[in-house]
Amino acid sequence: MSTKNIVLEVMKKEATPLNAGRITEISGLDRKEVDKALKALKDEELIVSPKRCYWEPKK
């Protein structure tokens, strides 16, 4: 499973907006990899930011 998919699954499972630090804690991935995945997911418009620095899957 790719890093993007892992990050997206963590976000869906938690069902609440998460920041990169919390995603890193839950998934066990490296912070730099999480940041890259969040940027890619944002560029693909698969996630949205309800408040600054927090992300959730697009509904």
PDB file of N, CA and C in Angstrom:
ATOM      1  N   MET A   1       0.844  -1.178   0.000  1.00  0.00           N
ATOM      2  CA  MET A   1       0.000   0.000   0.000  1.00  0.00           C
ATOM      3  C   MET A   1       0.888   1.239   0.000  1.00  0.00           C
ATOM      4  N   SER A   2       0.511   2.216  -0.821  1.00  0.00           N
ATOM      5  CA  SER A   2       1.325   3.430  -0.911  1.00  0.00           C
ATOM      6  C   SER A   2       1.121   4.319   0.305  1.00  0.00           C
ATOM      7  N   THR A   3       2.047   5.226   0.498  1.00  0.00           N
ATOM      8  CA  THR A   3       1.970   6.150   1.628  1.00  0.00           C
ATOM      9  C   THR A   3       0.695   6.982   1.549  1.00  0.00           C
ATOM     10  N   LYS A   4       0.339   7.423   0.336  1.00  0.00           N
ATOM     11  CA  LYS A   4      -0.888   8.207   0.166  1.00  0.00           C
ATOM     12  C   LYS A   4      -2.102   7.417   0.632  1.00  0.00           C
ATOM     13  N   ASN A   5      -2.173   6.157   0.258  1.00  0.00           N
ATOM     14  CA  ASN A   5      -3.311   5.322   0.651  1.00  0.00           C
ATOM     15  C   ASN A   5      -3.351   5.118   2.167  1.00  0.00           C
ATOM     16  N   ILE A   6      -2.194   4.914   2.774  1.00  0.00           N
ATOM     17  CA  ILE A   6      -2.140   4.735   4.229  1.00  0.00           C
ATOM     18  C   ILE A   6      -2.638   5.996   4.929  1.00  0.00           C
ATOM     19  N   VAL A   7      -2.169   7.157   4.492  1.00  0.00           N
ATOM     20  CA  VAL A   7      -2.581   8.426   5.091  1.00  0.00           C
ATOM     21  C   VAL A   7      -4.092   8.619   4.927  1.00  0.00           C
ATOM     22  N   LEU A   8      -4.612   8.341   3.746  1.00  0.00           N
ATOM     23  CA  LEU A   8      -6.044   8.499   3.498  1.00  0.00           C
ATOM     24  C   LEU A   8      -6.863   7.544   4.360  1.00  0.00           C
ATOM     25  N   GLU A   9      -6.397   6.317   4.517  1.00  0.00           N
ATOM     26  CA  GLU A   9      -7.105   5.341   5.363  1.00  0.00           C
ATOM     27  C   GLU A   9      -7.113   5.771   6.832  1.00  0.00           C
ATOM     28  N   VAL A  10      -5.988   6.300   7.312  1.00  0.00           N
ATOM     29  CA  VAL A  10      -5.922   6.793   8.691  1.00  0.00           C
ATOM     30  C   VAL A  10      -6.944   7.914   8.890  1.00  0.00           C
ATOM     31  N   MET A  11      -7.017   8.821   7.910  1.00  0.00           N
ATOM     32  CA  MET A  11      -7.947   9.940   8.010  1.00  0.00           C
ATOM     33  C   MET A  11      -9.397   9.461   8.012  1.00  0.00           C
ATOM     34  N   LYS A  12      -9.706   8.496   7.175  1.00  0.00           N
ATOM     35  CA  LYS A  12     -11.069   7.957   7.118  1.00  0.00           C
ATOM     36  C   LYS A  12     -11.417   7.219   8.408  1.00  0.00           C
ATOM     37  N   LYS A  13     -10.463   6.467   8.938  1.00  0.00           N
ATOM     38  CA  LYS A  13     -10.700   5.691  10.158  1.00  0.00           C
ATOM     39  C   LYS A  13     -10.960   6.601  11.358  1.00  0.00           C
ATOM     40  N   GLU A  14     -10.194   7.682  11.474  1.00  0.00           N
ATOM     41  CA  GLU A  14     -10.326   8.595  12.614  1.00  0.00           C
ATOM     42  C   GLU A  14     -11.586   9.454  12.525  1.00  0.00           C
ATOM     43  N   ALA A  15     -12.045   9.732  11.322  1.00  0.00           N
ATOM     44  CA  ALA A  15     -13.279  10.502  11.087  1.00  0.00           C
ATOM     45  C   ALA A  15     -13.292  11.872  11.775  1.00  0.00           C
ATOM     46  N   THR A  16     -12.138  12.463  11.897  1.00  0.00           N
ATOM     47  CA  THR A  16     -12.011  13.810  12.447  1.00  0.00           C
ATOM     48  C   THR A  16     -10.805  14.469  11.769  1.00  0.00           C
ATOM     49  N   PRO A  17     -10.810  15.786  11.591  1.00  0.00           N
ATOM     50  CA  PRO A  17      -9.656  16.440  10.971  1.00  0.00           C
ATOM     51  C   PRO A  17      -8.372  16.178  11.769  1.00  0.00           C
ATOM     52  N   LEU A  18      -7.312  15.844  11.051  1.00  0.00           N
ATOM     53  CA  LEU A  18      -6.026  15.519  11.676  1.00  0.00           C
ATOM     54  C   LEU A  18      -4.923  16.391  11.115  1.00  0.00           C
ATOM     55  N   ASN A  19      -3.904  16.652  11.939  1.00  0.00           N
ATOM     56  CA  ASN A  19      -2.717  17.342  11.431  1.00  0.00           C
ATOM     57  C   ASN A  19      -1.645  16.294  11.110  1.00  0.00           C
ATOM     58  N   ALA A  20      -0.581  16.722  10.467  1.00  0.00           N
ATOM     59  CA  ALA A  20       0.460  15.790  10.037  1.00  0.00           C
ATOM     60  C   ALA A  20       1.103  15.062  11.211  1.00  0.00           C
ATOM     61  N   GLY A  21       1.271  15.749  12.325  1.00  0.00           N
ATOM     62  CA  GLY A  21       1.878  15.123  13.504  1.00  0.00           C
ATOM     63  C   GLY A  21       1.043  13.966  14.028  1.00  0.00           C
ATOM     64  N   ARG A  22      -0.261  14.158  14.073  1.00  0.00           N
ATOM     65  CA  ARG A  22      -1.153  13.098  14.569  1.00  0.00           C
ATOM     66  C   ARG A  22      -1.187  11.929  13.592  1.00  0.00           C
ATOM     67  N   ILE A  23      -1.182  12.207  12.294  1.00  0.00           N
ATOM     68  CA  ILE A  23      -1.152  11.140  11.289  1.00  0.00           C
ATOM     69  C   ILE A  23       0.129  10.340  11.437  1.00  0.00           C
ATOM     70  N   THR A  24       1.238  11.021  11.699  1.00  0.00           N
ATOM     71  CA  THR A  24       2.527  10.356  11.903  1.00  0.00           C
ATOM     72  C   THR A  24       2.465   9.423  13.111  1.00  0.00           C
ATOM     73  N   GLU A  25       1.876   9.893  14.224  1.00  0.00           N
ATOM     74  CA  GLU A  25       1.753   9.064  15.431  1.00  0.00           C
ATOM     75  C   GLU A  25       0.918   7.814  15.176  1.00  0.00           C
ATOM     76  N   ILE A  26      -0.212   7.992  14.512  1.00  0.00           N
ATOM     77  CA  ILE A  26      -1.140   6.875  14.289  1.00  0.00           C
ATOM     78  C   ILE A  26      -0.569   5.855  13.305  1.00  0.00           C
ATOM     79  N   SER A  27      -0.005   6.342  12.201  1.00  0.00           N
ATOM     80  CA  SER A  27       0.437   5.444  11.128  1.00  0.00           C
ATOM     81  C   SER A  27       1.825   4.856  11.349  1.00  0.00           C
ATOM     82  N   GLY A  28       2.678   5.560  12.115  1.00  0.00           N
ATOM     83  CA  GLY A  28       4.048   5.104  12.290  1.00  0.00           C
ATOM     84  C   GLY A  28       4.951   5.447  11.124  1.00  0.00           C
ATOM     85  N   LEU A  29       4.448   6.240  10.186  1.00  0.00           N
ATOM     86  CA  LEU A  29       5.243   6.661   9.035  1.00  0.00           C
ATOM     87  C   LEU A  29       6.155   7.814   9.413  1.00  0.00           C
ATOM     88  N   ASP A  30       7.161   8.057   8.580  1.00  0.00           N
ATOM     89  CA  ASP A  30       8.069   9.181   8.755  1.00  0.00           C
ATOM     90  C   ASP A  30       7.332  10.492   8.455  1.00  0.00           C
ATOM     91  N   ARG A  31       7.627  11.540   9.205  1.00  0.00           N
ATOM     92  CA  ARG A  31       6.935  12.825   9.038  1.00  0.00           C
ATOM     93  C   ARG A  31       7.096  13.377   7.620  1.00  0.00           C
ATOM     94  N   LYS A  32       8.290  13.244   7.032  1.00  0.00           N
ATOM     95  CA  LYS A  32       8.511  13.760   5.682  1.00  0.00           C
ATOM     96  C   LYS A  32       7.637  13.033   4.666  1.00  0.00           C
ATOM     97  N   GLU A  33       7.468  11.725   4.844  1.00  0.00           N
ATOM     98  CA  GLU A  33       6.618  10.944   3.942  1.00  0.00           C
ATOM     99  C   GLU A  33       5.155  11.362   4.084  1.00  0.00           C
ATOM    100  N   VAL A  34       4.724  11.621   5.309  1.00  0.00           N
ATOM    101  CA  VAL A  34       3.346  12.073   5.544  1.00  0.00           C
ATOM    102  C   VAL A  34       3.127  13.428   4.881  1.00  0.00           C
ATOM    103  N   ASP A  35       4.089  14.345   5.022  1.00  0.00           N
ATOM    104  CA  ASP A  35       3.975  15.660   4.397  1.00  0.00           C
ATOM    105  C   ASP A  35       3.869  15.550   2.879  1.00  0.00           C
ATOM    106  N   LYS A  36       4.676  14.679   2.274  1.00  0.00           N
ATOM    107  CA  LYS A  36       4.625  14.467   0.816  1.00  0.00           C
ATOM    108  C   LYS A  36       3.272  13.902   0.411  1.00  0.00           C
ATOM    109  N   ALA A  37       2.770  12.945   1.177  1.00  0.00           N
ATOM    110  CA  ALA A  37       1.484  12.328   0.862  1.00  0.00           C
ATOM    111  C   ALA A  37       0.356  13.342   0.977  1.00  0.00           C
ATOM    112  N   LEU A  38       0.389  14.187   2.022  1.00  0.00           N
ATOM    113  CA  LEU A  38      -0.640  15.211   2.180  1.00  0.00           C
ATOM    114  C   LEU A  38      -0.629  16.191   1.015  1.00  0.00           C
ATOM    115  N   LYS A  39       0.557  16.581   0.573  1.00  0.00           N
ATOM    116  CA  LYS A  39       0.654  17.503  -0.564  1.00  0.00           C
ATOM    117  C   LYS A  39       0.077  16.853  -1.814  1.00  0.00           C
ATOM    118  N   ALA A  40       0.420  15.598  -2.060  1.00  0.00           N
ATOM    119  CA  ALA A  40      -0.091  14.899  -3.239  1.00  0.00           C
ATOM    120  C   ALA A  40      -1.611  14.733  -3.172  1.00  0.00           C
ATOM    121  N   LEU A  41      -2.126  14.379  -2.001  1.00  0.00           N
ATOM    122  CA  LEU A  41      -3.573  14.226  -1.838  1.00  0.00           C
ATOM    123  C   LEU A  41      -4.291  15.563  -2.029  1.00  0.00           C
ATOM    124  N   LYS A  42      -3.673  16.646  -1.553  1.00  0.00           N
ATOM    125  CA  LYS A  42      -4.259  17.974  -1.729  1.00  0.00           C
ATOM    126  C   LYS A  42      -4.279  18.352  -3.210  1.00  0.00           C
ATOM    127  N   ASP A  43      -3.191  18.083  -3.915  1.00  0.00           N
ATOM    128  CA  ASP A  43      -3.108  18.390  -5.338  1.00  0.00           C
ATOM    129  C   ASP A  43      -4.141  17.598  -6.146  1.00  0.00           C
ATOM    130  N   GLU A  44      -4.436  16.367  -5.693  1.00  0.00           N
ATOM    131  CA  GLU A  44      -5.431  15.523  -6.363  1.00  0.00           C
ATOM    132  C   GLU A  44      -6.853  15.828  -5.885  1.00  0.00           C
ATOM    133  N   GLU A  45      -6.976  16.796  -4.973  1.00  0.00           N
ATOM    134  CA  GLU A  45      -8.252  17.225  -4.404  1.00  0.00           C
ATOM    135  C   GLU A  45      -9.007  16.082  -3.723  1.00  0.00           C
ATOM    136  N   LEU A  46      -8.273  15.209  -3.030  1.00  0.00           N
ATOM    137  CA  LEU A  46      -8.873  14.112  -2.284  1.00  0.00           C
ATOM    138  C   LEU A  46      -9.064  14.453  -0.810  1.00  0.00           C
ATOM    139  N   ILE A  47      -8.399  15.533  -0.361  1.00  0.00           N
ATOM    140  CA  ILE A  47      -8.546  15.982   1.025  1.00  0.00           C
ATOM    141  C   ILE A  47      -8.822  17.478   1.041  1.00  0.00           C
ATOM    142  N   VAL A  48      -9.445  17.933   2.121  1.00  0.00           N
ATOM    143  CA  VAL A  48      -9.728  19.356   2.298  1.00  0.00           C
ATOM    144  C   VAL A  48      -9.294  19.770   3.700  1.00  0.00           C
ATOM    145  N   SER A  49      -9.114  21.062   3.881  1.00  0.00           N
ATOM    146  CA  SER A  49      -8.681  21.592   5.174  1.00  0.00           C
ATOM    147  C   SER A  49      -9.809  22.410   5.802  1.00  0.00           C
ATOM    148  N   PRO A  50     -10.480  21.863   6.835  1.00  0.00           N
ATOM    149  CA  PRO A  50     -11.544  22.609   7.489  1.00  0.00           C
ATOM    150  C   PRO A  50     -11.011  23.741   8.375  1.00  0.00           C
ATOM    151  N   LYS A  51      -9.783  23.586   8.853  1.00  0.00           N
ATOM    152  CA  LYS A  51      -9.107  24.655   9.589  1.00  0.00           C
ATOM    153  C   LYS A  51      -7.616  24.520   9.337  1.00  0.00           C
ATOM    154  N   ARG A  52      -6.892  25.575   9.588  1.00  0.00           N
ATOM    155  CA  ARG A  52      -5.474  25.637   9.249  1.00  0.00           C
ATOM    156  C   ARG A  52      -4.679  24.454   9.826  1.00  0.00           C
ATOM    157  N   CYS A  53      -3.923  23.789   8.947  1.00  0.00           N
ATOM    158  CA  CYS A  53      -3.016  22.684   9.289  1.00  0.00           C
ATOM    159  C   CYS A  53      -3.733  21.380   9.655  1.00  0.00           C
ATOM    160  N   TYR A  54      -5.014  21.314   9.488  1.00  0.00           N
ATOM    161  CA  TYR A  54      -5.762  20.079   9.732  1.00  0.00           C
ATOM    162  C   TYR A  54      -6.418  19.641   8.432  1.00  0.00           C
ATOM    163  N   TRP A  55      -6.456  18.335   8.210  1.00  0.00           N
ATOM    164  CA  TRP A  55      -6.962  17.772   6.960  1.00  0.00           C
ATOM    165  C   TRP A  55      -7.970  16.670   7.219  1.00  0.00           C
ATOM    166  N   GLU A  56      -8.886  16.512   6.261  1.00  0.00           N
ATOM    167  CA  GLU A  56      -9.842  15.425   6.306  1.00  0.00           C
ATOM    168  C   GLU A  56     -10.174  15.019   4.873  1.00  0.00           C
ATOM    169  N   PRO A  57     -10.658  13.787   4.667  1.00  0.00           N
ATOM    170  CA  PRO A  57     -11.015  13.362   3.314  1.00  0.00           C
ATOM    171  C   PRO A  57     -12.145  14.229   2.751  1.00  0.00           C
ATOM    172  N   LYS A  58     -12.087  14.466   1.453  1.00  0.00           N
ATOM    173  CA  LYS A  58     -13.139  15.242   0.802  1.00  0.00           C
ATOM    174  C   LYS A  58     -14.416  14.428   0.776  1.00  0.00           C
ATOM    175  N   LYS A  59     -15.524  15.056   1.065  1.00  0.00           N
ATOM    176  CA  LYS A  59     -16.806  14.355   1.108  1.00  0.00           C
ATOM    177  C   LYS A  59     -17.506  14.392  -0.216  1.00  0.00           C
TER     178      LYS A  59
END
